[in-house]
Each structure stands twice: as structure tokens, then as C-alpha cells.
């Protein structure tokens, strides 16, 4: 656990922030190279960067604060809601925020939203690899008790209240699965049959991998476990998976029908 990367005089640089910066850099760079195949110039991808960053952070933080208000924010100063350098971003909130920002950008720049979505989809998975490593260094999103050889133990008195007994390194599980997902989506991108296929595949596959990892999570308070003992992440994954199925079916039928 290394929440602080380094200090620049009085300025503290947090590991979580460093990894998030790397996530956006890696994501935009790979997307810029991929976009050429769909006729989207690299500068258009880099221009969307601030939109994606803003939408991601806003959506991820809003969902986190809403989800953990009672446990982490009630009774604290109001400005603590904006302390993202301490961690506390919900990926699904970031995905929603980034998607809305990308839709707005595509309309403003008159770019096909589905072509843009396909270009960005693999890079979202790649960025998540770095993001989850940031969670690991920060000590958040930790797992349940584990006796396997790769279990991790957090130090006594850590700021995020992670347990000091061996637990599943759920952040690393997520990172590795997202790396495989990135490779799979990059492969699919060059073989896609219709626009929107890669993004739909991302929604389908990520919903599954997230649900698997969620079953090892140990950081949810008891009152956050809902119907059928599902975590909030698993409940959202059901909706994301259904969205992916509908998107795949509708876009495939619509675009293949137009090609006839």
C-alpha cells in the first residue's frame, strides 16, 4: 500500500492520481492510433480528452458520494466531497459520465457516435487496468478474507480502513481481467461487422468480469448488499449487460439492414 507516490516540496502527489493520469494518457494514445481505421483523425481523439476526463471524474465522484454518503461523508466538511485525490470514484458512474460527454462531443464535432464508441471502447478497458492498480496502491476496493498464496495484507492504521488480515487482491483481479478484455476488444475492432459492435461487446464482457470480481469484494458495508446478496456493482452490471445485449441486437439489425 503506497497512497503517496512522492512529494514536490509542500505538494503531495498521490499514487491514485498518478495512475489515473496514466490511464487517460494510455487510453487516448491507443484510441488515436485506432481511430485512423474508422476515418477519425488523431487530433479529434486528443480533443475529446478534456471532455472525457471531466465527464469521467464528475460521474464517478457523484455516484461514489451518493452511494457512500452515510458511511463516508455525513458529518464531514462539505468540501470532502471533492477530495478525489483520496480515492473514491465509482467506475460505472465514470462510464456514464464519459459516455454522455462523448455523445455531446460527437454531436458538436459531427462525428459518428458509434464509430467513436468503437474507437474508445478498448481504451476504456486499458485505462481501467491503470485505475485499478491505483486502487490497489491506495488501499481501497479491497477483498474478502483469503488464505491463498497471493493474498495481500494491509498495514495497521491504514487510512481507508482496509483489514489487516490477508484478503483477496480484488484490484489486481480486475486489472488482469481488463487487460485481457483490452486485447480481446482490440482484436475484435479490426474484424467488426457493424458500428457499435466493439462498444456493445465491451459492455457485455465488462459486466461479466466486474460481477465475478465483485464476488470477492470485502469493502461493502452490510447494508449495501441488496437483493439475492448482490453488491451494488453486480446490480448495475445486470443493467449494463442488458444494455449491451440490446445495443448489439438493435445496431446489428439496423446497420446490416441498411447495407442490403
C-alpha atoms as a PDB file:
ATOM      1  CA  UNK A   1       0.000   0.000   0.000  1.00  0.00           C
ATOM      2  CA  UNK A   2       1.602   3.252  -1.195  1.00  0.00           C
ATOM      3  CA  UNK A   3      -1.037   6.008  -1.277  1.00  0.00           C
ATOM      4  CA  UNK A   4       1.591   8.727  -1.738  1.00  0.00           C
ATOM      5  CA  UNK A   5       3.770   8.497  -4.850  1.00  0.00           C
ATOM      6  CA  UNK A   6       6.159  11.323  -3.997  1.00  0.00           C
ATOM      7  CA  UNK A   7       6.358  14.886  -2.701  1.00  0.00           C
ATOM      8  CA  UNK A   8       7.288  18.036  -4.593  1.00  0.00           C
ATOM      9  CA  UNK A   9       8.122  20.363  -1.752  1.00  0.00           C
ATOM     10  CA  UNK A  10       4.810  21.049   0.023  1.00  0.00           C
ATOM     11  CA  UNK A  11       2.844  19.353  -2.776  1.00  0.00           C
ATOM     12  CA  UNK A  12       1.885  15.713  -2.214  1.00  0.00           C
ATOM     13  CA  UNK A  13       1.405  13.595  -5.339  1.00  0.00           C
ATOM     14  CA  UNK A  14      -0.929  10.670  -4.681  1.00  0.00           C
ATOM     15  CA  UNK A  15      -0.446   7.295  -6.359  1.00  0.00           C
ATOM     16  CA  UNK A  16      -4.126   7.138  -7.270  1.00  0.00           C
ATOM     17  CA  UNK A  17      -3.865  10.401  -9.177  1.00  0.00           C
ATOM     18  CA  UNK A  18      -0.704   9.278 -10.968  1.00  0.00           C
ATOM     19  CA  UNK A  19      -2.342   6.059 -12.122  1.00  0.00           C
ATOM     20  CA  UNK A  20      -5.474   7.889 -13.275  1.00  0.00           C
ATOM     21  CA  UNK A  21      -3.303  10.248 -15.318  1.00  0.00           C
ATOM     22  CA  UNK A  22      -1.549   7.261 -16.892  1.00  0.00           C
ATOM     23  CA  UNK A  23      -4.947   5.706 -17.595  1.00  0.00           C
ATOM     24  CA  UNK A  24      -6.102   8.717 -19.594  1.00  0.00           C
ATOM     25  CA  UNK A  25      -2.779   9.089 -21.430  1.00  0.00           C
ATOM     26  CA  UNK A  26      -2.637   5.413 -22.419  1.00  0.00           C
ATOM     27  CA  UNK A  27      -6.311   5.399 -23.363  1.00  0.00           C
ATOM     28  CA  UNK A  28      -6.183   8.478 -25.572  1.00  0.00           C
ATOM     29  CA  UNK A  29      -2.940   7.467 -27.272  1.00  0.00           C
ATOM     30  CA  UNK A  30      -4.139   3.985 -28.202  1.00  0.00           C
ATOM     31  CA  UNK A  31      -7.527   5.354 -29.300  1.00  0.00           C
ATOM     32  CA  UNK A  32      -5.846   7.969 -31.509  1.00  0.00           C
ATOM     33  CA  UNK A  33      -3.958   5.241 -33.368  1.00  0.00           C
ATOM     34  CA  UNK A  34      -7.041   3.076 -33.667  1.00  0.00           C
ATOM     35  CA  UNK A  35      -9.306   5.862 -34.901  1.00  0.00           C
ATOM     36  CA  UNK A  36      -7.447   6.187 -38.206  1.00  0.00           C
ATOM     37  CA  UNK A  37      -9.055   2.911 -39.325  1.00  0.00           C
ATOM     38  CA  UNK A  38     -12.508   4.478 -38.908  1.00  0.00           C
ATOM     39  CA  UNK A  39     -11.615   7.784 -40.529  1.00  0.00           C
ATOM     40  CA  UNK A  40     -11.328   9.699 -37.256  1.00  0.00           C
ATOM     41  CA  UNK A  41      -8.188  11.844 -37.200  1.00  0.00           C
ATOM     42  CA  UNK A  42      -5.887  11.557 -34.144  1.00  0.00           C
ATOM     43  CA  UNK A  43      -6.434  15.238 -33.259  1.00  0.00           C
ATOM     44  CA  UNK A  44     -10.167  14.537 -32.911  1.00  0.00           C
ATOM     45  CA  UNK A  45      -9.381  11.855 -30.329  1.00  0.00           C
ATOM     46  CA  UNK A  46      -6.998  14.070 -28.375  1.00  0.00           C
ATOM     47  CA  UNK A  47      -9.510  16.915 -28.477  1.00  0.00           C
ATOM     48  CA  UNK A  48     -12.074  14.715 -26.753  1.00  0.00           C
ATOM     49  CA  UNK A  49      -9.633  14.182 -23.868  1.00  0.00           C
ATOM     50  CA  UNK A  50     -10.816  17.062 -21.641  1.00  0.00           C
ATOM     51  CA  UNK A  51     -14.451  16.112 -22.275  1.00  0.00           C
ATOM     52  CA  UNK A  52     -13.792  12.502 -21.280  1.00  0.00           C
ATOM     53  CA  UNK A  53     -11.709  13.461 -18.253  1.00  0.00           C
ATOM     54  CA  UNK A  54     -14.346  15.878 -16.995  1.00  0.00           C
ATOM     55  CA  UNK A  55     -17.257  13.525 -17.619  1.00  0.00           C
ATOM     56  CA  UNK A  56     -15.456  10.562 -16.063  1.00  0.00           C
ATOM     57  CA  UNK A  57     -14.421  12.332 -12.870  1.00  0.00           C
ATOM     58  CA  UNK A  58     -17.768  14.065 -12.397  1.00  0.00           C
ATOM     59  CA  UNK A  59     -19.846  10.936 -12.989  1.00  0.00           C
ATOM     60  CA  UNK A  60     -17.573   8.680 -10.931  1.00  0.00           C
ATOM     61  CA  UNK A  61     -17.461  11.050  -7.971  1.00  0.00           C
ATOM     62  CA  UNK A  62     -21.182  11.801  -7.965  1.00  0.00           C
ATOM     63  CA  UNK A  63     -22.055   8.091  -7.877  1.00  0.00           C
ATOM     64  CA  UNK A  64     -19.455   7.423  -5.160  1.00  0.00           C
ATOM     65  CA  UNK A  65     -20.676  10.244  -2.930  1.00  0.00           C
ATOM     66  CA  UNK A  66     -24.286   9.174  -3.461  1.00  0.00           C
ATOM     67  CA  UNK A  67     -23.508   5.521  -2.686  1.00  0.00           C
ATOM     68  CA  UNK A  68     -21.295   6.114   0.348  1.00  0.00           C
ATOM     69  CA  UNK A  69     -22.807   9.324   1.737  1.00  0.00           C
ATOM     70  CA  UNK A  70     -23.881   7.844   5.051  1.00  0.00           C
ATOM     71  CA  UNK A  71     -20.647   5.887   5.589  1.00  0.00           C
ATOM     72  CA  UNK A  72     -18.031   8.368   4.408  1.00  0.00           C
ATOM     73  CA  UNK A  73     -19.418  11.903   4.109  1.00  0.00           C
ATOM     74  CA  UNK A  74     -22.204  12.516   6.610  1.00  0.00           C
ATOM     75  CA  UNK A  75     -20.867  14.817   9.304  1.00  0.00           C
ATOM     76  CA  UNK A  76     -17.694  15.716   7.389  1.00  0.00           C
ATOM     77  CA  UNK A  77     -16.935  19.137   5.845  1.00  0.00           C
ATOM     78  CA  UNK A  78     -18.787  19.680   2.560  1.00  0.00           C
ATOM     79  CA  UNK A  79     -15.568  20.116   0.628  1.00  0.00           C
ATOM     80  CA  UNK A  80     -14.591  16.480   1.373  1.00  0.00           C
ATOM     81  CA  UNK A  81     -16.920  15.523  -1.486  1.00  0.00           C
ATOM     82  CA  UNK A  82     -14.359  16.967  -3.891  1.00  0.00           C
ATOM     83  CA  UNK A  83     -11.258  15.280  -2.404  1.00  0.00           C
ATOM     84  CA  UNK A  84     -10.820  12.828  -5.284  1.00  0.00           C
ATOM     85  CA  UNK A  85      -7.071  12.581  -4.614  1.00  0.00           C
ATOM     86  CA  UNK A  86      -8.000  10.431  -1.608  1.00  0.00           C
ATOM     87  CA  UNK A  87      -9.682   7.925  -3.921  1.00  0.00           C
ATOM     88  CA  UNK A  88     -13.397   7.321  -4.114  1.00  0.00           C
ATOM     89  CA  UNK A  89     -14.503   7.047  -7.732  1.00  0.00           C
ATOM     90  CA  UNK A  90     -17.119   4.559  -8.929  1.00  0.00           C
ATOM     91  CA  UNK A  91     -16.275   3.206 -12.363  1.00  0.00           C
ATOM     92  CA  UNK A  92     -19.849   2.815 -13.560  1.00  0.00           C
ATOM     93  CA  UNK A  93     -20.521   6.447 -12.696  1.00  0.00           C
ATOM     94  CA  UNK A  94     -17.413   7.406 -14.659  1.00  0.00           C
ATOM     95  CA  UNK A  95     -18.547   5.288 -17.618  1.00  0.00           C
ATOM     96  CA  UNK A  96     -21.929   7.009 -17.668  1.00  0.00           C
ATOM     97  CA  UNK A  97     -20.370  10.458 -17.338  1.00  0.00           C
ATOM     98  CA  UNK A  98     -17.778   9.771 -20.036  1.00  0.00           C
ATOM     99  CA  UNK A  99     -20.437   8.343 -22.365  1.00  0.00           C
ATOM    100  CA  UNK A 100     -22.606  11.443 -22.031  1.00  0.00           C
ATOM    101  CA  UNK A 101     -19.569  13.669 -22.629  1.00  0.00           C
ATOM    102  CA  UNK A 102     -18.600  11.629 -25.725  1.00  0.00           C
ATOM    103  CA  UNK A 103     -22.131  11.850 -27.126  1.00  0.00           C
ATOM    104  CA  UNK A 104     -22.119  15.623 -26.698  1.00  0.00           C
ATOM    105  CA  UNK A 105     -18.651  15.887 -28.272  1.00  0.00           C
ATOM    106  CA  UNK A 106     -19.677  13.708 -31.228  1.00  0.00           C
ATOM    107  CA  UNK A 107     -22.702  15.884 -31.901  1.00  0.00           C
ATOM    108  CA  UNK A 108     -20.703  19.101 -31.662  1.00  0.00           C
ATOM    109  CA  UNK A 109     -17.960  17.786 -33.982  1.00  0.00           C
ATOM    110  CA  UNK A 110     -20.391  15.875 -36.230  1.00  0.00           C
ATOM    111  CA  UNK A 111     -18.657  12.516 -35.743  1.00  0.00           C
ATOM    112  CA  UNK A 112     -20.489   9.171 -35.891  1.00  0.00           C
ATOM    113  CA  UNK A 113     -21.175   8.331 -32.250  1.00  0.00           C
ATOM    114  CA  UNK A 114     -20.963   4.575 -32.867  1.00  0.00           C
ATOM    115  CA  UNK A 115     -17.679   4.789 -34.744  1.00  0.00           C
ATOM    116  CA  UNK A 116     -16.303   6.915 -31.923  1.00  0.00           C
ATOM    117  CA  UNK A 117     -17.620   4.481 -29.314  1.00  0.00           C
ATOM    118  CA  UNK A 118     -15.858   1.580 -31.033  1.00  0.00           C
ATOM    119  CA  UNK A 119     -12.604   3.518 -31.184  1.00  0.00           C
ATOM    120  CA  UNK A 120     -12.759   4.345 -27.466  1.00  0.00           C
ATOM    121  CA  UNK A 121     -14.044   1.011 -26.119  1.00  0.00           C
ATOM    122  CA  UNK A 122     -10.741  -0.934 -25.995  1.00  0.00           C
ATOM    123  CA  UNK A 123      -9.016   2.093 -24.498  1.00  0.00           C
ATOM    124  CA  UNK A 124     -11.590   2.283 -21.711  1.00  0.00           C
ATOM    125  CA  UNK A 125     -10.605  -1.256 -20.729  1.00  0.00           C
ATOM    126  CA  UNK A 126      -6.906  -0.339 -20.911  1.00  0.00           C
ATOM    127  CA  UNK A 127      -7.398   2.754 -18.767  1.00  0.00           C
ATOM    128  CA  UNK A 128      -9.200   0.633 -16.191  1.00  0.00           C
ATOM    129  CA  UNK A 129      -6.079  -1.507 -15.848  1.00  0.00           C
ATOM    130  CA  UNK A 130      -4.183   1.517 -14.525  1.00  0.00           C
ATOM    131  CA  UNK A 131      -7.131   2.757 -12.481  1.00  0.00           C
ATOM    132  CA  UNK A 132      -7.428  -0.456 -10.508  1.00  0.00           C
ATOM    133  CA  UNK A 133      -3.697  -0.501  -9.813  1.00  0.00           C
ATOM    134  CA  UNK A 134      -4.266   2.951  -8.356  1.00  0.00           C
ATOM    135  CA  UNK A 135      -6.949   1.484  -6.106  1.00  0.00           C
ATOM    136  CA  UNK A 136      -4.522  -1.221  -5.009  1.00  0.00           C
ATOM    137  CA  UNK A 137      -1.859   1.335  -4.080  1.00  0.00           C
ATOM    138  CA  UNK A 138      -4.462   3.460  -2.314  1.00  0.00           C
ATOM    139  CA  UNK A 139      -5.873   0.578  -0.290  1.00  0.00           C
ATOM    140  CA  UNK A 140      -9.492   0.920  -1.411  1.00  0.00           C
ATOM    141  CA  UNK A 141     -11.826  -1.608  -3.079  1.00  0.00           C
ATOM    142  CA  UNK A 142     -10.159  -4.423  -1.118  1.00  0.00           C
ATOM    143  CA  UNK A 143     -11.292  -8.043  -0.981  1.00  0.00           C
ATOM    144  CA  UNK A 144     -12.650 -10.573   1.492  1.00  0.00           C
ATOM    145  CA  UNK A 145     -10.522 -12.776   3.713  1.00  0.00           C
ATOM    146  CA  UNK A 146      -8.267 -15.058   1.699  1.00  0.00           C
ATOM    147  CA  UNK A 147      -5.830 -17.872   2.521  1.00  0.00           C
ATOM    148  CA  UNK A 148      -4.373 -18.247  -0.978  1.00  0.00           C
ATOM    149  CA  UNK A 149      -0.639 -17.657  -1.605  1.00  0.00           C
ATOM    150  CA  UNK A 150      -1.288 -14.340  -3.391  1.00  0.00           C
ATOM    151  CA  UNK A 151      -3.381 -12.835  -0.584  1.00  0.00           C
ATOM    152  CA  UNK A 152      -2.363  -9.316   0.484  1.00  0.00           C
ATOM    153  CA  UNK A 153      -2.291  -7.713   3.927  1.00  0.00           C
ATOM    154  CA  UNK A 154      -2.731  -4.005   4.560  1.00  0.00           C
ATOM    155  CA  UNK A 155      -0.766  -2.185   7.283  1.00  0.00           C
ATOM    156  CA  UNK A 156      -2.257  -1.430  10.690  1.00  0.00           C
ATOM    157  CA  UNK A 157      -3.832   2.015  10.863  1.00  0.00           C
ATOM    158  CA  UNK A 158      -4.237   2.455   7.091  1.00  0.00           C
ATOM    159  CA  UNK A 159      -6.389   5.428   6.105  1.00  0.00           C
ATOM    160  CA  UNK A 160      -9.059   3.503   4.185  1.00  0.00           C
ATOM    161  CA  UNK A 161      -9.785   1.040   6.963  1.00  0.00           C
ATOM    162  CA  UNK A 162      -8.695  -1.983   4.942  1.00  0.00           C
ATOM    163  CA  UNK A 163      -8.464  -5.152   7.074  1.00  0.00           C
ATOM    164  CA  UNK A 164      -5.073  -6.154   8.441  1.00  0.00           C
ATOM    165  CA  UNK A 165      -5.645  -9.850   7.792  1.00  0.00           C
ATOM    166  CA  UNK A 166      -4.923 -11.482   4.375  1.00  0.00           C
ATOM    167  CA  UNK A 167      -7.511 -10.580   1.735  1.00  0.00           C
ATOM    168  CA  UNK A 168      -8.138 -11.139  -1.968  1.00  0.00           C
ATOM    169  CA  UNK A 169      -6.294  -8.579  -4.152  1.00  0.00           C
ATOM    170  CA  UNK A 170      -9.513  -7.785  -5.991  1.00  0.00           C
ATOM    171  CA  UNK A 171      -7.993  -4.716  -7.621  1.00  0.00           C
ATOM    172  CA  UNK A 172      -5.358  -6.889  -9.305  1.00  0.00           C
ATOM    173  CA  UNK A 173      -8.022  -9.383 -10.385  1.00  0.00           C
ATOM    174  CA  UNK A 174      -9.870  -6.508 -12.054  1.00  0.00           C
ATOM    175  CA  UNK A 175      -6.687  -5.196 -13.641  1.00  0.00           C
ATOM    176  CA  UNK A 176      -5.720  -8.528 -15.192  1.00  0.00           C
ATOM    177  CA  UNK A 177      -9.216  -9.237 -16.492  1.00  0.00           C
ATOM    178  CA  UNK A 178      -9.377  -5.742 -18.006  1.00  0.00           C
ATOM    179  CA  UNK A 179      -6.033  -6.273 -19.724  1.00  0.00           C
ATOM    180  CA  UNK A 180      -7.399  -9.435 -21.327  1.00  0.00           C
ATOM    181  CA  UNK A 181     -10.546  -7.535 -22.263  1.00  0.00           C
ATOM    182  CA  UNK A 182      -8.465  -4.789 -23.879  1.00  0.00           C
ATOM    183  CA  UNK A 183      -6.605  -7.326 -26.018  1.00  0.00           C
ATOM    184  CA  UNK A 184      -9.842  -9.036 -27.000  1.00  0.00           C
ATOM    185  CA  UNK A 185     -11.570  -5.793 -27.962  1.00  0.00           C
ATOM    186  CA  UNK A 186      -8.525  -4.594 -29.939  1.00  0.00           C
ATOM    187  CA  UNK A 187      -8.688  -7.883 -31.868  1.00  0.00           C
ATOM    188  CA  UNK A 188     -12.445  -7.511 -32.452  1.00  0.00           C
ATOM    189  CA  UNK A 189     -12.098  -3.906 -33.598  1.00  0.00           C
ATOM    190  CA  UNK A 190     -10.270  -4.916 -36.781  1.00  0.00           C
ATOM    191  CA  UNK A 191     -12.900  -7.555 -37.509  1.00  0.00           C
ATOM    192  CA  UNK A 192     -16.131  -5.825 -36.521  1.00  0.00           C
ATOM    193  CA  UNK A 193     -19.187  -6.271 -38.717  1.00  0.00           C
ATOM    194  CA  UNK A 194     -21.103  -3.128 -37.744  1.00  0.00           C
ATOM    195  CA  UNK A 195     -20.516   0.160 -35.953  1.00  0.00           C
ATOM    196  CA  UNK A 196     -21.151  -0.084 -32.240  1.00  0.00           C
ATOM    197  CA  UNK A 197     -20.234  -3.771 -32.073  1.00  0.00           C
ATOM    198  CA  UNK A 198     -16.997  -3.241 -30.134  1.00  0.00           C
ATOM    199  CA  UNK A 199     -18.627  -0.944 -27.575  1.00  0.00           C
ATOM    200  CA  UNK A 200     -21.528  -3.373 -27.123  1.00  0.00           C
ATOM    201  CA  UNK A 201     -19.021  -6.207 -26.636  1.00  0.00           C
ATOM    202  CA  UNK A 202     -17.239  -4.094 -24.034  1.00  0.00           C
ATOM    203  CA  UNK A 203     -20.454  -3.603 -22.063  1.00  0.00           C
ATOM    204  CA  UNK A 204     -21.243  -7.321 -22.194  1.00  0.00           C
ATOM    205  CA  UNK A 205     -17.783  -8.525 -21.204  1.00  0.00           C
ATOM    206  CA  UNK A 206     -17.085  -5.911 -18.561  1.00  0.00           C
ATOM    207  CA  UNK A 207     -20.413  -6.573 -16.860  1.00  0.00           C
ATOM    208  CA  UNK A 208     -19.404 -10.233 -16.557  1.00  0.00           C
ATOM    209  CA  UNK A 209     -15.826  -9.644 -15.351  1.00  0.00           C
ATOM    210  CA  UNK A 210     -16.961  -6.968 -12.885  1.00  0.00           C
ATOM    211  CA  UNK A 211     -19.600  -9.305 -11.438  1.00  0.00           C
ATOM    212  CA  UNK A 212     -17.002 -12.035 -10.984  1.00  0.00           C
ATOM    213  CA  UNK A 213     -14.583  -9.756  -9.147  1.00  0.00           C
ATOM    214  CA  UNK A 214     -17.395  -8.263  -7.061  1.00  0.00           C
ATOM    215  CA  UNK A 215     -17.992 -11.686  -5.517  1.00  0.00           C
ATOM    216  CA  UNK A 216     -14.566 -11.371  -3.854  1.00  0.00           C
ATOM    217  CA  UNK A 217     -15.020  -7.783  -2.627  1.00  0.00           C
ATOM    218  CA  UNK A 218     -14.942  -7.172   1.099  1.00  0.00           C
ATOM    219  CA  UNK A 219     -15.292  -3.403   1.387  1.00  0.00           C
ATOM    220  CA  UNK A 220     -19.080  -3.102   1.190  1.00  0.00           C
ATOM    221  CA  UNK A 221     -20.933  -2.332   4.437  1.00  0.00           C
ATOM    222  CA  UNK A 222     -23.624  -4.962   5.244  1.00  0.00           C
ATOM    223  CA  UNK A 223     -26.450  -2.564   4.372  1.00  0.00           C
ATOM    224  CA  UNK A 224     -25.036  -2.165   0.847  1.00  0.00           C
ATOM    225  CA  UNK A 225     -25.696  -5.817  -0.031  1.00  0.00           C
ATOM    226  CA  UNK A 226     -29.113  -5.988  -1.658  1.00  0.00           C
ATOM    227  CA  UNK A 227     -31.454  -8.422  -3.376  1.00  0.00           C
ATOM    228  CA  UNK A 228     -30.145 -12.003  -3.636  1.00  0.00           C
ATOM    229  CA  UNK A 229     -26.971 -10.908  -1.797  1.00  0.00           C
ATOM    230  CA  UNK A 230     -25.805  -8.919  -4.809  1.00  0.00           C
ATOM    231  CA  UNK A 231     -23.422  -5.991  -4.381  1.00  0.00           C
ATOM    232  CA  UNK A 232     -24.237  -2.577  -5.882  1.00  0.00           C
ATOM    233  CA  UNK A 233     -21.685  -3.290  -8.626  1.00  0.00           C
ATOM    234  CA  UNK A 234     -23.379  -6.566  -9.529  1.00  0.00           C
ATOM    235  CA  UNK A 235     -26.809  -4.948  -9.624  1.00  0.00           C
ATOM    236  CA  UNK A 236     -25.548  -2.273 -12.008  1.00  0.00           C
ATOM    237  CA  UNK A 237     -23.783  -4.974 -14.047  1.00  0.00           C
ATOM    238  CA  UNK A 238     -27.137  -6.607 -14.763  1.00  0.00           C
ATOM    239  CA  UNK A 239     -28.388  -3.376 -16.315  1.00  0.00           C
ATOM    240  CA  UNK A 240     -25.131  -2.850 -18.232  1.00  0.00           C
ATOM    241  CA  UNK A 241     -25.251  -6.397 -19.598  1.00  0.00           C
ATOM    242  CA  UNK A 242     -28.863  -5.956 -20.707  1.00  0.00           C
ATOM    243  CA  UNK A 243     -27.908  -2.670 -22.378  1.00  0.00           C
ATOM    244  CA  UNK A 244     -25.076  -4.417 -24.217  1.00  0.00           C
ATOM    245  CA  UNK A 245     -27.379  -7.175 -25.459  1.00  0.00           C
ATOM    246  CA  UNK A 246     -29.985  -4.686 -26.685  1.00  0.00           C
ATOM    247  CA  UNK A 247     -27.342  -2.476 -28.312  1.00  0.00           C
ATOM    248  CA  UNK A 248     -25.745  -5.420 -30.124  1.00  0.00           C
ATOM    249  CA  UNK A 249     -29.092  -6.688 -31.446  1.00  0.00           C
ATOM    250  CA  UNK A 250     -30.516  -3.317 -32.494  1.00  0.00           C
ATOM    251  CA  UNK A 251     -27.359  -1.909 -34.098  1.00  0.00           C
ATOM    252  CA  UNK A 252     -26.597  -5.149 -35.916  1.00  0.00           C
ATOM    253  CA  UNK A 253     -30.091  -5.409 -37.333  1.00  0.00           C
ATOM    254  CA  UNK A 254     -30.308  -1.725 -38.261  1.00  0.00           C
ATOM    255  CA  UNK A 255     -26.895  -1.380 -39.908  1.00  0.00           C
ATOM    256  CA  UNK A 256     -26.924  -4.714 -41.708  1.00  0.00           C
ATOM    257  CA  UNK A 257     -30.403  -3.927 -42.993  1.00  0.00           C
ATOM    258  CA  UNK A 258     -29.136  -0.596 -44.373  1.00  0.00           C
ATOM    259  CA  UNK A 259     -26.344  -2.434 -46.183  1.00  0.00           C
ATOM    260  CA  UNK A 260     -28.806  -4.588 -48.130  1.00  0.00           C
END
